[in-house]
């Protein structure tokens, strides 16, 4: 079987890689929104572009929060299981 060069070695690496990419993506989206807002403040950008950038960042943060909440509930349910 041929594996891509950037393929993770095992499941733990895959999860860590996915989590790292997701966090980097959220941070990047938030930085772009902040930059667009600064551009509007100094008269270089449009309010429309800044509003869209902020809305996209807010959606990504909300999705991430929902995923964390879901994972926490799942972990709680597993920890309460009787063996």
PDB file of N, CA and C in Angstrom:
ATOM      1  N   UNK A   1       0.837  -1.187   0.000  1.00  0.00           N
ATOM      2  CA  UNK A   1       0.000   0.000   0.000  1.00  0.00           C
ATOM      3  C   UNK A   1       0.882   1.250   0.000  1.00  0.00           C
ATOM      4  N   UNK A   2       0.555   2.187  -0.841  1.00  0.00           N
ATOM      5  CA  UNK A   2       1.309   3.432  -0.939  1.00  0.00           C
ATOM      6  C   UNK A   2       0.652   4.475  -0.048  1.00  0.00           C
ATOM      7  N   UNK A   3       1.470   5.113   0.784  1.00  0.00           N
ATOM      8  CA  UNK A   3       0.974   6.147   1.691  1.00  0.00           C
ATOM      9  C   UNK A   3       1.530   7.493   1.275  1.00  0.00           C
ATOM     10  N   UNK A   4       0.716   8.570   1.367  1.00  0.00           N
ATOM     11  CA  UNK A   4       1.249   9.905   1.059  1.00  0.00           C
ATOM     12  C   UNK A   4       2.394  10.244   2.008  1.00  0.00           C
ATOM     13  N   UNK A   5       3.295  11.086   1.556  1.00  0.00           N
ATOM     14  CA  UNK A   5       4.452  11.445   2.368  1.00  0.00           C
ATOM     15  C   UNK A   5       4.064  12.114   3.678  1.00  0.00           C
ATOM     16  N   UNK A   6       2.954  12.863   3.682  1.00  0.00           N
ATOM     17  CA  UNK A   6       2.557  13.561   4.901  1.00  0.00           C
ATOM     18  C   UNK A   6       1.546  12.772   5.727  1.00  0.00           C
ATOM     19  N   UNK A   7       1.356  11.498   5.405  1.00  0.00           N
ATOM     20  CA  UNK A   7       0.393  10.681   6.146  1.00  0.00           C
ATOM     21  C   UNK A   7       0.911  10.420   7.559  1.00  0.00           C
ATOM     22  N   UNK A   8       0.049  10.523   8.566  1.00  0.00           N
ATOM     23  CA  UNK A   8       0.459  10.246   9.935  1.00  0.00           C
ATOM     24  C   UNK A   8       0.828   8.769  10.102  1.00  0.00           C
ATOM     25  N   UNK A   9       1.655   8.495  11.082  1.00  0.00           N
ATOM     26  CA  UNK A   9       2.133   7.134  11.308  1.00  0.00           C
ATOM     27  C   UNK A   9       1.108   6.249  11.998  1.00  0.00           C
ATOM     28  N   UNK A  10       0.355   6.801  12.918  1.00  0.00           N
ATOM     29  CA  UNK A  10      -0.653   5.999  13.612  1.00  0.00           C
ATOM     30  C   UNK A  10      -1.839   6.865  14.004  1.00  0.00           C
ATOM     31  N   UNK A  11      -2.804   6.270  14.695  1.00  0.00           N
ATOM     32  CA  UNK A  11      -4.025   6.975  15.060  1.00  0.00           C
ATOM     33  C   UNK A  11      -3.799   8.171  15.962  1.00  0.00           C
ATOM     34  N   UNK A  12      -2.876   8.044  16.898  1.00  0.00           N
ATOM     35  CA  UNK A  12      -2.597   9.154  17.820  1.00  0.00           C
ATOM     36  C   UNK A  12      -2.019  10.331  17.050  1.00  0.00           C
ATOM     37  N   UNK A  13      -1.059  10.044  16.158  1.00  0.00           N
ATOM     38  CA  UNK A  13      -0.492  11.114  15.339  1.00  0.00           C
ATOM     39  C   UNK A  13      -1.561  11.761  14.466  1.00  0.00           C
ATOM     40  N   UNK A  14      -2.457  10.948  13.930  1.00  0.00           N
ATOM     41  CA  UNK A  14      -3.514  11.469  13.064  1.00  0.00           C
ATOM     42  C   UNK A  14      -4.426  12.419  13.841  1.00  0.00           C
ATOM     43  N   UNK A  15      -4.807  12.030  15.043  1.00  0.00           N
ATOM     44  CA  UNK A  15      -5.680  12.876  15.844  1.00  0.00           C
ATOM     45  C   UNK A  15      -4.967  14.166  16.239  1.00  0.00           C
ATOM     46  N   UNK A  16      -3.716  14.056  16.663  1.00  0.00           N
ATOM     47  CA  UNK A  16      -2.950  15.240  17.055  1.00  0.00           C
ATOM     48  C   UNK A  16      -2.777  16.182  15.878  1.00  0.00           C
ATOM     49  N   UNK A  17      -2.505  15.621  14.709  1.00  0.00           N
ATOM     50  CA  UNK A  17      -2.341  16.433  13.499  1.00  0.00           C
ATOM     51  C   UNK A  17      -3.643  17.148  13.145  1.00  0.00           C
ATOM     52  N   UNK A  18      -4.757  16.434  13.205  1.00  0.00           N
ATOM     53  CA  UNK A  18      -6.057  17.013  12.888  1.00  0.00           C
ATOM     54  C   UNK A  18      -6.406  18.122  13.878  1.00  0.00           C
ATOM     55  N   UNK A  19      -6.150  17.875  15.149  1.00  0.00           N
ATOM     56  CA  UNK A  19      -6.442  18.869  16.172  1.00  0.00           C
ATOM     57  C   UNK A  19      -5.573  20.117  15.990  1.00  0.00           C
ATOM     58  N   UNK A  20      -4.319  19.908  15.686  1.00  0.00           N
ATOM     59  CA  UNK A  20      -3.408  21.031  15.461  1.00  0.00           C
ATOM     60  C   UNK A  20      -3.840  21.866  14.266  1.00  0.00           C
ATOM     61  N   UNK A  21      -4.218  21.212  13.182  1.00  0.00           N
ATOM     62  CA  UNK A  21      -4.680  21.938  11.990  1.00  0.00           C
ATOM     63  C   UNK A  21      -5.951  22.725  12.284  1.00  0.00           C
ATOM     64  N   UNK A  22      -6.863  22.128  13.046  1.00  0.00           N
ATOM     65  CA  UNK A  22      -8.125  22.801  13.367  1.00  0.00           C
ATOM     66  C   UNK A  22      -7.866  24.050  14.206  1.00  0.00           C
ATOM     67  N   UNK A  23      -7.005  23.930  15.199  1.00  0.00           N
ATOM     68  CA  UNK A  23      -6.702  25.075  16.060  1.00  0.00           C
ATOM     69  C   UNK A  23      -5.988  26.170  15.270  1.00  0.00           C
ATOM     70  N   UNK A  24      -5.043  25.766  14.425  1.00  0.00           N
ATOM     71  CA  UNK A  24      -4.354  26.748  13.580  1.00  0.00           C
ATOM     72  C   UNK A  24      -5.331  27.450  12.644  1.00  0.00           C
ATOM     73  N   UNK A  25      -6.285  26.699  12.104  1.00  0.00           N
ATOM     74  CA  UNK A  25      -7.277  27.278  11.200  1.00  0.00           C
ATOM     75  C   UNK A  25      -8.150  28.309  11.885  1.00  0.00           C
ATOM     76  N   UNK A  26      -8.568  28.005  13.108  1.00  0.00           N
ATOM     77  CA  UNK A  26      -9.394  28.948  13.861  1.00  0.00           C
ATOM     78  C   UNK A  26      -8.588  30.212  14.168  1.00  0.00           C
ATOM     79  N   UNK A  27      -7.359  30.025  14.604  1.00  0.00           N
ATOM     80  CA  UNK A  27      -6.507  31.179  14.902  1.00  0.00           C
ATOM     81  C   UNK A  27      -6.276  32.042  13.676  1.00  0.00           C
ATOM     82  N   UNK A  28      -6.056  31.403  12.552  1.00  0.00           N
ATOM     83  CA  UNK A  28      -5.838  32.131  11.304  1.00  0.00           C
ATOM     84  C   UNK A  28      -7.080  32.922  10.907  1.00  0.00           C
ATOM     85  N   UNK A  29      -8.235  32.293  11.030  1.00  0.00           N
ATOM     86  CA  UNK A  29      -9.489  32.962  10.669  1.00  0.00           C
ATOM     87  C   UNK A  29      -9.736  34.160  11.588  1.00  0.00           C
ATOM     88  N   UNK A  30      -9.442  34.008  12.879  1.00  0.00           N
ATOM     89  CA  UNK A  30      -9.620  35.116  13.814  1.00  0.00           C
ATOM     90  C   UNK A  30      -8.654  36.262  13.508  1.00  0.00           C
ATOM     91  N   UNK A  31      -7.411  35.928  13.159  1.00  0.00           N
ATOM     92  CA  UNK A  31      -6.445  36.976  12.803  1.00  0.00           C
ATOM     93  C   UNK A  31      -6.879  37.733  11.557  1.00  0.00           C
ATOM     94  N   UNK A  32      -7.424  37.006  10.560  1.00  0.00           N
ATOM     95  CA  UNK A  32      -7.905  37.675   9.341  1.00  0.00           C
ATOM     96  C   UNK A  32      -9.061  38.617   9.658  1.00  0.00           C
ATOM     97  N   UNK A  33      -9.958  38.173  10.540  1.00  0.00           N
ATOM     98  CA  UNK A  33     -11.089  39.033  10.913  1.00  0.00           C
ATOM     99  C   UNK A  33     -10.595  40.286  11.635  1.00  0.00           C
ATOM    100  N   UNK A  34      -9.632  40.116  12.540  1.00  0.00           N
ATOM    101  CA  UNK A  34      -9.076  41.276  13.243  1.00  0.00           C
ATOM    102  C   UNK A  34      -8.395  42.231  12.273  1.00  0.00           C
ATOM    103  N   UNK A  35      -7.677  41.685  11.324  1.00  0.00           N
ATOM    104  CA  UNK A  35      -7.000  42.510  10.334  1.00  0.00           C
ATOM    105  C   UNK A  35      -8.006  43.277   9.474  1.00  0.00           C
ATOM    106  N   UNK A  36      -9.071  42.609   9.076  1.00  0.00           N
ATOM    107  CA  UNK A  36     -10.106  43.277   8.270  1.00  0.00           C
ATOM    108  C   UNK A  36     -10.761  44.402   9.068  1.00  0.00           C
ATOM    109  N   UNK A  37     -10.973  44.196  10.367  1.00  0.00           N
ATOM    110  CA  UNK A  37     -11.564  45.238  11.199  1.00  0.00           C
ATOM    111  C   UNK A  37     -10.606  46.425  11.364  1.00  0.00           C
ATOM    112  N   UNK A  38      -9.320  46.135  11.504  1.00  0.00           N
ATOM    113  CA  UNK A  38      -8.340  47.229  11.595  1.00  0.00           C
ATOM    114  C   UNK A  38      -8.293  48.021  10.287  1.00  0.00           C
ATOM    115  N   UNK A  39      -8.396  47.315   9.168  1.00  0.00           N
ATOM    116  CA  UNK A  39      -8.405  48.000   7.875  1.00  0.00           C
ATOM    117  C   UNK A  39      -9.585  48.956   7.760  1.00  0.00           C
ATOM    118  N   UNK A  40     -10.744  48.531   8.250  1.00  0.00           N
ATOM    119  CA  UNK A  40     -11.924  49.404   8.232  1.00  0.00           C
ATOM    120  C   UNK A  40     -11.678  50.614   9.125  1.00  0.00           C
ATOM    121  N   UNK A  41     -11.082  50.385  10.280  1.00  0.00           N
ATOM    122  CA  UNK A  41     -10.852  51.475  11.235  1.00  0.00           C
ATOM    123  C   UNK A  41      -9.932  52.551  10.668  1.00  0.00           C
ATOM    124  N   UNK A  42      -8.991  52.173   9.828  1.00  0.00           N
ATOM    125  CA  UNK A  42      -8.063  53.164   9.258  1.00  0.00           C
ATOM    126  C   UNK A  42      -8.487  53.613   7.865  1.00  0.00           C
ATOM    127  N   UNK A  43      -9.629  53.131   7.394  1.00  0.00           N
ATOM    128  CA  UNK A  43     -10.164  53.587   6.122  1.00  0.00           C
ATOM    129  C   UNK A  43      -9.682  52.839   4.892  1.00  0.00           C
ATOM    130  N   UNK A  44      -9.057  51.675   5.055  1.00  0.00           N
ATOM    131  CA  UNK A  44      -8.551  50.928   3.907  1.00  0.00           C
ATOM    132  C   UNK A  44      -9.473  49.791   3.476  1.00  0.00           C
ATOM    133  N   UNK A  45     -10.293  49.280   4.355  1.00  0.00           N
ATOM    134  CA  UNK A  45     -11.107  48.118   4.034  1.00  0.00           C
ATOM    135  C   UNK A  45     -12.578  48.438   3.989  1.00  0.00           C
ATOM    136  N   UNK A  46     -13.356  47.452   3.554  1.00  0.00           N
ATOM    137  CA  UNK A  46     -14.806  47.651   3.503  1.00  0.00           C
ATOM    138  C   UNK A  46     -15.467  47.017   4.718  1.00  0.00           C
ATOM    139  N   UNK A  47     -16.545  47.614   5.127  1.00  0.00           N
ATOM    140  CA  UNK A  47     -17.310  47.080   6.255  1.00  0.00           C
ATOM    141  C   UNK A  47     -17.874  45.708   5.894  1.00  0.00           C
ATOM    142  N   UNK A  48     -18.260  45.542   4.640  1.00  0.00           N
ATOM    143  CA  UNK A  48     -18.804  44.261   4.191  1.00  0.00           C
ATOM    144  C   UNK A  48     -17.768  43.144   4.357  1.00  0.00           C
ATOM    145  N   UNK A  49     -16.557  43.362   3.901  1.00  0.00           N
ATOM    146  CA  UNK A  49     -15.511  42.341   4.011  1.00  0.00           C
ATOM    147  C   UNK A  49     -15.195  42.041   5.473  1.00  0.00           C
ATOM    148  N   UNK A  50     -15.150  43.076   6.313  1.00  0.00           N
ATOM    149  CA  UNK A  50     -14.876  42.878   7.735  1.00  0.00           C
ATOM    150  C   UNK A  50     -16.007  42.109   8.412  1.00  0.00           C
ATOM    151  N   UNK A  51     -17.238  42.418   8.039  1.00  0.00           N
ATOM    152  CA  UNK A  51     -18.385  41.721   8.624  1.00  0.00           C
ATOM    153  C   UNK A  51     -18.384  40.242   8.239  1.00  0.00           C
ATOM    154  N   UNK A  52     -18.078  39.971   6.978  1.00  0.00           N
ATOM    155  CA  UNK A  52     -18.042  38.578   6.521  1.00  0.00           C
ATOM    156  C   UNK A  52     -16.911  37.825   7.216  1.00  0.00           C
ATOM    157  N   UNK A  53     -15.741  38.453   7.312  1.00  0.00           N
ATOM    158  CA  UNK A  53     -14.603  37.807   7.970  1.00  0.00           C
ATOM    159  C   UNK A  53     -14.917  37.502   9.427  1.00  0.00           C
ATOM    160  N   UNK A  54     -15.571  38.445  10.123  1.00  0.00           N
ATOM    161  CA  UNK A  54     -15.916  38.230  11.531  1.00  0.00           C
ATOM    162  C   UNK A  54     -16.975  37.138  11.665  1.00  0.00           C
ATOM    163  N   UNK A  55     -17.948  37.130  10.761  1.00  0.00           N
ATOM    164  CA  UNK A  55     -18.992  36.099  10.820  1.00  0.00           C
ATOM    165  C   UNK A  55     -18.401  34.711  10.596  1.00  0.00           C
ATOM    166  N   UNK A  56     -17.478  34.601   9.640  1.00  0.00           N
ATOM    167  CA  UNK A  56     -16.835  33.307   9.384  1.00  0.00           C
ATOM    168  C   UNK A  56     -16.027  32.852  10.605  1.00  0.00           C
ATOM    169  N   UNK A  57     -15.317  33.778  11.219  1.00  0.00           N
ATOM    170  CA  UNK A  57     -14.540  33.437  12.412  1.00  0.00           C
ATOM    171  C   UNK A  57     -15.455  33.008  13.552  1.00  0.00           C
ATOM    172  N   UNK A  58     -16.556  33.731  13.732  1.00  0.00           N
ATOM    173  CA  UNK A  58     -17.504  33.390  14.793  1.00  0.00           C
ATOM    174  C   UNK A  58     -18.110  32.009  14.583  1.00  0.00           C
ATOM    175  N   UNK A  59     -18.403  31.668  13.331  1.00  0.00           N
ATOM    176  CA  UNK A  59     -18.961  30.345  13.039  1.00  0.00           C
ATOM    177  C   UNK A  59     -17.944  29.262  13.375  1.00  0.00           C
ATOM    178  N   UNK A  60     -16.691  29.466  13.002  1.00  0.00           N
ATOM    179  CA  UNK A  60     -15.667  28.462  13.308  1.00  0.00           C
ATOM    180  C   UNK A  60     -15.496  28.281  14.807  1.00  0.00           C
ATOM    181  N   UNK A  61     -15.521  29.371  15.555  1.00  0.00           N
ATOM    182  CA  UNK A  61     -15.402  29.276  17.013  1.00  0.00           C
ATOM    183  C   UNK A  61     -16.615  28.545  17.590  1.00  0.00           C
ATOM    184  N   UNK A  62     -17.803  28.839  17.092  1.00  0.00           N
ATOM    185  CA  UNK A  62     -19.012  28.180  17.591  1.00  0.00           C
ATOM    186  C   UNK A  62     -18.985  26.682  17.290  1.00  0.00           C
ATOM    187  N   UNK A  63     -18.535  26.310  16.108  1.00  0.00           N
ATOM    188  CA  UNK A  63     -18.436  24.885  15.756  1.00  0.00           C
ATOM    189  C   UNK A  63     -17.421  24.201  16.653  1.00  0.00           C
ATOM    190  N   UNK A  64     -16.278  24.841  16.869  1.00  0.00           N
ATOM    191  CA  UNK A  64     -15.258  24.255  17.744  1.00  0.00           C
ATOM    192  C   UNK A  64     -15.789  24.084  19.163  1.00  0.00           C
ATOM    193  N   UNK A  65     -16.519  25.073  19.654  1.00  0.00           N
ATOM    194  CA  UNK A  65     -17.093  24.978  20.994  1.00  0.00           C
ATOM    195  C   UNK A  65     -18.108  23.838  21.080  1.00  0.00           C
ATOM    196  N   UNK A  66     -18.903  23.663  20.034  1.00  0.00           N
ATOM    197  CA  UNK A  66     -19.882  22.573  20.022  1.00  0.00           C
ATOM    198  C   UNK A  66     -19.189  21.214  20.000  1.00  0.00           C
ATOM    199  N   UNK A  67     -18.101  21.118  19.253  1.00  0.00           N
ATOM    200  CA  UNK A  67     -17.351  19.851  19.203  1.00  0.00           C
ATOM    201  C   UNK A  67     -16.742  19.542  20.563  1.00  0.00           C
ATOM    202  N   UNK A  68     -16.164  20.547  21.204  1.00  0.00           N
ATOM    203  CA  UNK A  68     -15.590  20.339  22.535  1.00  0.00           C
ATOM    204  C   UNK A  68     -16.665  19.926  23.522  1.00  0.00           C
ATOM    205  N   UNK A  69     -17.820  20.571  23.465  1.00  0.00           N
ATOM    206  CA  UNK A  69     -18.927  20.225  24.355  1.00  0.00           C
ATOM    207  C   UNK A  69     -19.380  18.791  24.122  1.00  0.00           C
ATOM    208  N   UNK A  70     -19.501  18.411  22.857  1.00  0.00           N
ATOM    209  CA  UNK A  70     -19.918  17.048  22.522  1.00  0.00           C
ATOM    210  C   UNK A  70     -18.893  16.031  23.022  1.00  0.00           C
ATOM    211  N   UNK A  71     -17.617  16.323  22.829  1.00  0.00           N
ATOM    212  CA  UNK A  71     -16.566  15.413  23.283  1.00  0.00           C
ATOM    213  C   UNK A  71     -16.567  15.294  24.804  1.00  0.00           C
ATOM    214  N   UNK A  72     -16.771  16.409  25.492  1.00  0.00           N
ATOM    215  CA  UNK A  72     -16.810  16.383  26.955  1.00  0.00           C
ATOM    216  C   UNK A  72     -17.991  15.553  27.454  1.00  0.00           C
ATOM    217  N   UNK A  73     -19.124  15.686  26.806  1.00  0.00           N
ATOM    218  CA  UNK A  73     -20.294  14.880  27.203  1.00  0.00           C
ATOM    219  C   UNK A  73     -20.053  13.399  26.946  1.00  0.00           C
ATOM    220  N   UNK A  74     -19.425  13.096  25.813  1.00  0.00           N
ATOM    221  CA  UNK A  74     -19.123  11.693  25.497  1.00  0.00           C
ATOM    222  C   UNK A  74     -18.147  11.115  26.513  1.00  0.00           C
ATOM    223  N   UNK A  75     -17.117  11.878  26.851  1.00  0.00           N
ATOM    224  CA  UNK A  75     -16.152  11.418  27.846  1.00  0.00           C
ATOM    225  C   UNK A  75     -16.816  11.221  29.195  1.00  0.00           C
ATOM    226  N   UNK A  76     -17.706  12.118  29.561  1.00  0.00           N
ATOM    227  CA  UNK A  76     -18.442  11.993  30.817  1.00  0.00           C
ATOM    228  C   UNK A  76     -19.301  10.737  30.812  1.00  0.00           C
ATOM    229  N   UNK A  77     -19.967  10.470  29.700  1.00  0.00           N
ATOM    230  CA  UNK A  77     -20.804   9.271  29.606  1.00  0.00           C
ATOM    231  C   UNK A  77     -19.954   8.000  29.710  1.00  0.00           C
ATOM    232  N   UNK A  78     -18.809   7.993  29.078  1.00  0.00           N
ATOM    233  CA  UNK A  78     -17.922   6.826  29.149  1.00  0.00           C
ATOM    234  C   UNK A  78     -17.393   6.650  30.569  1.00  0.00           C
ATOM    235  N   UNK A  79     -17.054   7.736  31.218  1.00  0.00           N
ATOM    236  CA  UNK A  79     -16.507   7.630  32.581  1.00  0.00           C
ATOM    237  C   UNK A  79     -17.551   7.151  33.590  1.00  0.00           C
ATOM    238  N   UNK A  80     -18.827   7.315  33.276  1.00  0.00           N
ATOM    239  CA  UNK A  80     -19.881   6.873  34.183  1.00  0.00           C
ATOM    240  C   UNK A  80     -20.339   5.441  33.915  1.00  0.00           C
ATOM    241  N   UNK A  81     -19.811   4.830  32.866  1.00  0.00           N
ATOM    242  CA  UNK A  81     -20.194   3.450  32.545  1.00  0.00           C
ATOM    243  C   UNK A  81     -19.637   2.500  33.605  1.00  0.00           C
ATOM    244  N   UNK A  82     -20.432   1.507  33.923  1.00  0.00           N
ATOM    245  CA  UNK A  82     -19.978   0.481  34.855  1.00  0.00           C
ATOM    246  C   UNK A  82     -19.345  -0.641  34.066  1.00  0.00           C
ATOM    247  N   UNK A  83     -18.247  -1.121  34.583  1.00  0.00           N
ATOM    248  CA  UNK A  83     -17.538  -2.199  33.885  1.00  0.00           C
ATOM    249  C   UNK A  83     -17.859  -3.525  34.495  1.00  0.00           C
TER     250      UNK A  83
END
